[in-house]
């Protein structure tokens, strides 16, 4: 068991969303939602790169480095 320090305001917001669930279950659900959203965002990014031509991707990578 461990503790995570959060402000009273944050704890109050989380408790209102959490309902009757145990903290562990609730936080695991939040983590799963965040991971799913990150995966979707990364898939969209990859899709854009796949739709671009090779030269466009290469130029974007070069521009990001400088």
PDB file of N, CA and C in Angstrom:
ATOM      1  N   UNK A   1       0.851  -1.174   0.000  1.00  0.00           N
ATOM      2  CA  UNK A   1       0.000   0.000   0.000  1.00  0.00           C
ATOM      3  C   UNK A   1       0.895   1.235   0.000  1.00  0.00           C
ATOM      4  N   UNK A   2       0.463   2.250  -0.742  1.00  0.00           N
ATOM      5  CA  UNK A   2       1.209   3.501  -0.769  1.00  0.00           C
ATOM      6  C   UNK A   2       0.234   4.662  -0.844  1.00  0.00           C
ATOM      7  N   UNK A   3       0.754   5.855  -0.647  1.00  0.00           N
ATOM      8  CA  UNK A   3      -0.090   7.038  -0.731  1.00  0.00           C
ATOM      9  C   UNK A   3       0.413   7.934  -1.855  1.00  0.00           C
ATOM     10  N   UNK A   4      -0.504   8.678  -2.416  1.00  0.00           N
ATOM     11  CA  UNK A   4      -0.177   9.639  -3.464  1.00  0.00           C
ATOM     12  C   UNK A   4      -0.699  10.997  -2.988  1.00  0.00           C
ATOM     13  N   UNK A   5       0.182  11.948  -2.751  1.00  0.00           N
ATOM     14  CA  UNK A   5      -0.302  13.251  -2.277  1.00  0.00           C
ATOM     15  C   UNK A   5      -0.997  14.035  -3.397  1.00  0.00           C
ATOM     16  N   UNK A   6      -2.211  14.484  -3.128  1.00  0.00           N
ATOM     17  CA  UNK A   6      -2.965  15.335  -4.048  1.00  0.00           C
ATOM     18  C   UNK A   6      -3.639  16.429  -3.229  1.00  0.00           C
ATOM     19  N   UNK A   7      -3.970  17.515  -3.895  1.00  0.00           N
ATOM     20  CA  UNK A   7      -4.648  18.611  -3.187  1.00  0.00           C
ATOM     21  C   UNK A   7      -6.057  18.163  -2.782  1.00  0.00           C
ATOM     22  N   UNK A   8      -6.624  18.880  -1.830  1.00  0.00           N
ATOM     23  CA  UNK A   8      -7.984  18.564  -1.378  1.00  0.00           C
ATOM     24  C   UNK A   8      -8.981  18.727  -2.517  1.00  0.00           C
ATOM     25  N   UNK A   9      -8.761  19.745  -3.343  1.00  0.00           N
ATOM     26  CA  UNK A   9      -9.663  19.985  -4.467  1.00  0.00           C
ATOM     27  C   UNK A   9      -9.634  18.818  -5.456  1.00  0.00           C
ATOM     28  N   UNK A  10      -8.435  18.335  -5.752  1.00  0.00           N
ATOM     29  CA  UNK A  10      -8.300  17.206  -6.679  1.00  0.00           C
ATOM     30  C   UNK A  10      -8.958  15.965  -6.098  1.00  0.00           C
ATOM     31  N   UNK A  11      -8.705  15.704  -4.830  1.00  0.00           N
ATOM     32  CA  UNK A  11      -9.306  14.522  -4.203  1.00  0.00           C
ATOM     33  C   UNK A  11     -10.833  14.614  -4.231  1.00  0.00           C
ATOM     34  N   UNK A  12     -11.359  15.793  -3.985  1.00  0.00           N
ATOM     35  CA  UNK A  12     -12.806  15.974  -3.995  1.00  0.00           C
ATOM     36  C   UNK A  12     -13.373  15.702  -5.392  1.00  0.00           C
ATOM     37  N   UNK A  13     -12.713  16.210  -6.437  1.00  0.00           N
ATOM     38  CA  UNK A  13     -13.157  15.964  -7.811  1.00  0.00           C
ATOM     39  C   UNK A  13     -13.119  14.482  -8.132  1.00  0.00           C
ATOM     40  N   UNK A  14     -12.009  13.827  -7.771  1.00  0.00           N
ATOM     41  CA  UNK A  14     -11.869  12.399  -8.064  1.00  0.00           C
ATOM     42  C   UNK A  14     -12.900  11.566  -7.313  1.00  0.00           C
ATOM     43  N   UNK A  15     -13.146  11.909  -6.058  1.00  0.00           N
ATOM     44  CA  UNK A  15     -14.134  11.167  -5.273  1.00  0.00           C
ATOM     45  C   UNK A  15     -15.529  11.280  -5.873  1.00  0.00           C
ATOM     46  N   UNK A  16     -15.855  12.449  -6.439  1.00  0.00           N
ATOM     47  CA  UNK A  16     -17.184  12.616  -7.036  1.00  0.00           C
ATOM     48  C   UNK A  16     -17.337  11.765  -8.296  1.00  0.00           C
ATOM     49  N   UNK A  17     -16.241  11.518  -8.994  1.00  0.00           N
ATOM     50  CA  UNK A  17     -16.281  10.685 -10.202  1.00  0.00           C
ATOM     51  C   UNK A  17     -16.210   9.207  -9.838  1.00  0.00           C
ATOM     52  N   UNK A  18     -15.431   8.903  -8.819  1.00  0.00           N
ATOM     53  CA  UNK A  18     -15.135   7.526  -8.418  1.00  0.00           C
ATOM     54  C   UNK A  18     -16.375   6.765  -7.980  1.00  0.00           C
ATOM     55  N   UNK A  19     -17.262   7.410  -7.286  1.00  0.00           N
ATOM     56  CA  UNK A  19     -18.457   6.729  -6.785  1.00  0.00           C
ATOM     57  C   UNK A  19     -18.095   5.672  -5.752  1.00  0.00           C
ATOM     58  N   UNK A  20     -18.673   4.481  -5.903  1.00  0.00           N
ATOM     59  CA  UNK A  20     -18.487   3.400  -4.928  1.00  0.00           C
ATOM     60  C   UNK A  20     -17.280   2.513  -5.214  1.00  0.00           C
ATOM     61  N   UNK A  21     -16.581   2.775  -6.297  1.00  0.00           N
ATOM     62  CA  UNK A  21     -15.433   1.942  -6.664  1.00  0.00           C
ATOM     63  C   UNK A  21     -14.296   2.125  -5.668  1.00  0.00           C
ATOM     64  N   UNK A  22     -13.477   1.089  -5.558  1.00  0.00           N
ATOM     65  CA  UNK A  22     -12.251   1.190  -4.752  1.00  0.00           C
ATOM     66  C   UNK A  22     -11.278   2.093  -5.513  1.00  0.00           C
ATOM     67  N   UNK A  23     -10.407   2.768  -4.772  1.00  0.00           N
ATOM     68  CA  UNK A  23      -9.440   3.666  -5.410  1.00  0.00           C
ATOM     69  C   UNK A  23      -8.590   2.931  -6.445  1.00  0.00           C
ATOM     70  N   UNK A  24      -8.161   1.739  -6.129  1.00  0.00           N
ATOM     71  CA  UNK A  24      -7.315   0.974  -7.050  1.00  0.00           C
ATOM     72  C   UNK A  24      -8.038   0.721  -8.367  1.00  0.00           C
ATOM     73  N   UNK A  25      -9.273   0.276  -8.278  1.00  0.00           N
ATOM     74  CA  UNK A  25     -10.065   0.008  -9.481  1.00  0.00           C
ATOM     75  C   UNK A  25     -10.281   1.287 -10.282  1.00  0.00           C
ATOM     76  N   UNK A  26     -10.638   2.350  -9.593  1.00  0.00           N
ATOM     77  CA  UNK A  26     -10.892   3.637 -10.243  1.00  0.00           C
ATOM     78  C   UNK A  26      -9.646   4.169 -10.955  1.00  0.00           C
ATOM     79  N   UNK A  27      -8.504   4.143 -10.277  1.00  0.00           N
ATOM     80  CA  UNK A  27      -7.273   4.653 -10.886  1.00  0.00           C
ATOM     81  C   UNK A  27      -6.815   3.787 -12.051  1.00  0.00           C
ATOM     82  N   UNK A  28      -7.029   2.472 -11.954  1.00  0.00           N
ATOM     83  CA  UNK A  28      -6.723   1.599 -13.093  1.00  0.00           C
ATOM     84  C   UNK A  28      -7.585   1.939 -14.298  1.00  0.00           C
ATOM     85  N   UNK A  29      -8.848   2.225 -14.067  1.00  0.00           N
ATOM     86  CA  UNK A  29      -9.732   2.632 -15.164  1.00  0.00           C
ATOM     87  C   UNK A  29      -9.247   3.929 -15.802  1.00  0.00           C
ATOM     88  N   UNK A  30      -8.866   4.906 -14.973  1.00  0.00           N
ATOM     89  CA  UNK A  30      -8.348   6.170 -15.507  1.00  0.00           C
ATOM     90  C   UNK A  30      -7.085   5.939 -16.335  1.00  0.00           C
ATOM     91  N   UNK A  31      -6.202   5.085 -15.841  1.00  0.00           N
ATOM     92  CA  UNK A  31      -4.972   4.784 -16.574  1.00  0.00           C
ATOM     93  C   UNK A  31      -5.295   4.123 -17.913  1.00  0.00           C
ATOM     94  N   UNK A  32      -6.246   3.206 -17.922  1.00  0.00           N
ATOM     95  CA  UNK A  32      -6.639   2.536 -19.174  1.00  0.00           C
ATOM     96  C   UNK A  32      -7.230   3.521 -20.174  1.00  0.00           C
ATOM     97  N   UNK A  33      -8.022   4.460 -19.686  1.00  0.00           N
ATOM     98  CA  UNK A  33      -8.595   5.484 -20.567  1.00  0.00           C
ATOM     99  C   UNK A  33      -7.482   6.338 -21.167  1.00  0.00           C
ATOM    100  N   UNK A  34      -6.533   6.749 -20.339  1.00  0.00           N
ATOM    101  CA  UNK A  34      -5.419   7.570 -20.824  1.00  0.00           C
ATOM    102  C   UNK A  34      -4.593   6.811 -21.857  1.00  0.00           C
ATOM    103  N   UNK A  35      -4.311   5.545 -21.605  1.00  0.00           N
ATOM    104  CA  UNK A  35      -3.541   4.745 -22.561  1.00  0.00           C
ATOM    105  C   UNK A  35      -4.281   4.586 -23.880  1.00  0.00           C
ATOM    106  N   UNK A  36      -5.575   4.356 -23.814  1.00  0.00           N
ATOM    107  CA  UNK A  36      -6.383   4.210 -25.022  1.00  0.00           C
ATOM    108  C   UNK A  36      -6.362   5.499 -25.837  1.00  0.00           C
ATOM    109  N   UNK A  37      -6.520   6.640 -25.168  1.00  0.00           N
ATOM    110  CA  UNK A  37      -6.493   7.924 -25.870  1.00  0.00           C
ATOM    111  C   UNK A  37      -5.132   8.178 -26.503  1.00  0.00           C
ATOM    112  N   UNK A  38      -4.060   7.848 -25.798  1.00  0.00           N
ATOM    113  CA  UNK A  38      -2.713   8.021 -26.357  1.00  0.00           C
ATOM    114  C   UNK A  38      -2.516   7.130 -27.578  1.00  0.00           C
ATOM    115  N   UNK A  39      -2.995   5.912 -27.508  1.00  0.00           N
ATOM    116  CA  UNK A  39      -2.867   5.004 -28.656  1.00  0.00           C
ATOM    117  C   UNK A  39      -3.632   5.538 -29.862  1.00  0.00           C
ATOM    118  N   UNK A  40      -4.839   6.027 -29.635  1.00  0.00           N
ATOM    119  CA  UNK A  40      -5.630   6.583 -30.734  1.00  0.00           C
ATOM    120  C   UNK A  40      -4.934   7.790 -31.353  1.00  0.00           C
ATOM    121  N   UNK A  41      -4.395   8.652 -30.494  1.00  0.00           N
ATOM    122  CA  UNK A  41      -3.679   9.831 -30.985  1.00  0.00           C
ATOM    123  C   UNK A  41      -2.462   9.415 -31.806  1.00  0.00           C
ATOM    124  N   UNK A  42      -1.729   8.418 -31.332  1.00  0.00           N
ATOM    125  CA  UNK A  42      -0.551   7.948 -32.061  1.00  0.00           C
ATOM    126  C   UNK A  42      -0.936   7.268 -33.375  1.00  0.00           C
ATOM    127  N   UNK A  43      -2.052   6.542 -33.386  1.00  0.00           N
ATOM    128  CA  UNK A  43      -2.520   5.921 -34.633  1.00  0.00           C
ATOM    129  C   UNK A  43      -2.857   6.981 -35.671  1.00  0.00           C
ATOM    130  N   UNK A  44      -3.517   8.058 -35.221  1.00  0.00           N
ATOM    131  CA  UNK A  44      -3.855   9.142 -36.139  1.00  0.00           C
ATOM    132  C   UNK A  44      -2.592   9.773 -36.704  1.00  0.00           C
ATOM    133  N   UNK A  45      -1.587   9.975 -35.840  1.00  0.00           N
ATOM    134  CA  UNK A  45      -0.311  10.529 -36.297  1.00  0.00           C
ATOM    135  C   UNK A  45       0.346   9.624 -37.324  1.00  0.00           C
ATOM    136  N   UNK A  46       0.354   8.330 -37.023  1.00  0.00           N
ATOM    137  CA  UNK A  46       0.957   7.362 -37.942  1.00  0.00           C
ATOM    138  C   UNK A  46       0.200   7.331 -39.269  1.00  0.00           C
ATOM    139  N   UNK A  47      -1.128   7.407 -39.199  1.00  0.00           N
ATOM    140  CA  UNK A  47      -1.937   7.403 -40.414  1.00  0.00           C
ATOM    141  C   UNK A  47      -1.585   8.600 -41.292  1.00  0.00           C
ATOM    142  N   UNK A  48      -1.421   9.777 -40.672  1.00  0.00           N
ATOM    143  CA  UNK A  48      -1.037  10.964 -41.432  1.00  0.00           C
ATOM    144  C   UNK A  48       0.318  10.756 -42.094  1.00  0.00           C
ATOM    145  N   UNK A  49       1.259  10.183 -41.352  1.00  0.00           N
ATOM    146  CA  UNK A  49       2.583   9.940 -41.926  1.00  0.00           C
ATOM    147  C   UNK A  49       2.517   8.953 -43.082  1.00  0.00           C
ATOM    148  N   UNK A  50       1.685   7.934 -42.943  1.00  0.00           N
ATOM    149  CA  UNK A  50       1.556   6.945 -44.013  1.00  0.00           C
ATOM    150  C   UNK A  50       0.914   7.541 -45.258  1.00  0.00           C
ATOM    151  N   UNK A  51       0.056   8.521 -45.071  1.00  0.00           N
ATOM    152  CA  UNK A  51      -0.608   9.160 -46.204  1.00  0.00           C
ATOM    153  C   UNK A  51       0.306  10.157 -46.910  1.00  0.00           C
ATOM    154  N   UNK A  52       1.309  10.651 -46.197  1.00  0.00           N
ATOM    155  CA  UNK A  52       2.237  11.619 -46.785  1.00  0.00           C
ATOM    156  C   UNK A  52       3.226  10.903 -47.696  1.00  0.00           C
ATOM    157  N   UNK A  53       3.764  11.646 -48.618  1.00  0.00           N
ATOM    158  CA  UNK A  53       4.813  11.099 -49.454  1.00  0.00           C
ATOM    159  C   UNK A  53       6.120  11.016 -48.684  1.00  0.00           C
ATOM    160  N   UNK A  54       7.036  10.202 -49.155  1.00  0.00           N
ATOM    161  CA  UNK A  54       8.323  10.013 -48.483  1.00  0.00           C
ATOM    162  C   UNK A  54       9.056  11.338 -48.309  1.00  0.00           C
ATOM    163  N   UNK A  55       9.082  12.161 -49.350  1.00  0.00           N
ATOM    164  CA  UNK A  55       9.805  13.429 -49.277  1.00  0.00           C
ATOM    165  C   UNK A  55       9.207  14.369 -48.236  1.00  0.00           C
ATOM    166  N   UNK A  56       7.880  14.398 -48.126  1.00  0.00           N
ATOM    167  CA  UNK A  56       7.228  15.234 -47.119  1.00  0.00           C
ATOM    168  C   UNK A  56       7.635  14.828 -45.715  1.00  0.00           C
ATOM    169  N   UNK A  57       7.647  13.539 -45.451  1.00  0.00           N
ATOM    170  CA  UNK A  57       8.016  13.035 -44.123  1.00  0.00           C
ATOM    171  C   UNK A  57       9.463  13.373 -43.834  1.00  0.00           C
ATOM    172  N   UNK A  58      10.331  13.191 -44.814  1.00  0.00           N
ATOM    173  CA  UNK A  58      11.746  13.464 -44.626  1.00  0.00           C
ATOM    174  C   UNK A  58      11.970  14.944 -44.329  1.00  0.00           C
ATOM    175  N   UNK A  59      11.282  15.831 -45.021  1.00  0.00           N
ATOM    176  CA  UNK A  59      11.415  17.273 -44.798  1.00  0.00           C
ATOM    177  C   UNK A  59      10.896  17.637 -43.416  1.00  0.00           C
ATOM    178  N   UNK A  60       9.773  17.079 -43.004  1.00  0.00           N
ATOM    179  CA  UNK A  60       9.242  17.367 -41.677  1.00  0.00           C
ATOM    180  C   UNK A  60      10.203  16.923 -40.591  1.00  0.00           C
ATOM    181  N   UNK A  61      10.808  15.751 -40.746  1.00  0.00           N
ATOM    182  CA  UNK A  61      11.766  15.267 -39.757  1.00  0.00           C
ATOM    183  C   UNK A  61      12.968  16.193 -39.700  1.00  0.00           C
ATOM    184  N   UNK A  62      13.449  16.619 -40.862  1.00  0.00           N
ATOM    185  CA  UNK A  62      14.589  17.511 -40.913  1.00  0.00           C
ATOM    186  C   UNK A  62      14.256  18.840 -40.245  1.00  0.00           C
ATOM    187  N   UNK A  63      13.072  19.378 -40.512  1.00  0.00           N
ATOM    188  CA  UNK A  63      12.666  20.660 -39.938  1.00  0.00           C
ATOM    189  C   UNK A  63      12.534  20.574 -38.425  1.00  0.00           C
ATOM    190  N   UNK A  64      12.081  19.446 -37.925  1.00  0.00           N
ATOM    191  CA  UNK A  64      11.931  19.263 -36.481  1.00  0.00           C
ATOM    192  C   UNK A  64      13.302  19.246 -35.792  1.00  0.00           C
ATOM    193  N   UNK A  65      14.305  18.740 -36.457  1.00  0.00           N
ATOM    194  CA  UNK A  65      15.649  18.654 -35.868  1.00  0.00           C
ATOM    195  C   UNK A  65      16.308  20.020 -35.770  1.00  0.00           C
ATOM    196  N   UNK A  66      15.905  20.977 -36.624  1.00  0.00           N
ATOM    197  CA  UNK A  66      16.537  22.299 -36.638  1.00  0.00           C
ATOM    198  C   UNK A  66      15.568  23.361 -36.355  1.00  0.00           C
TER     199      UNK A  66
END
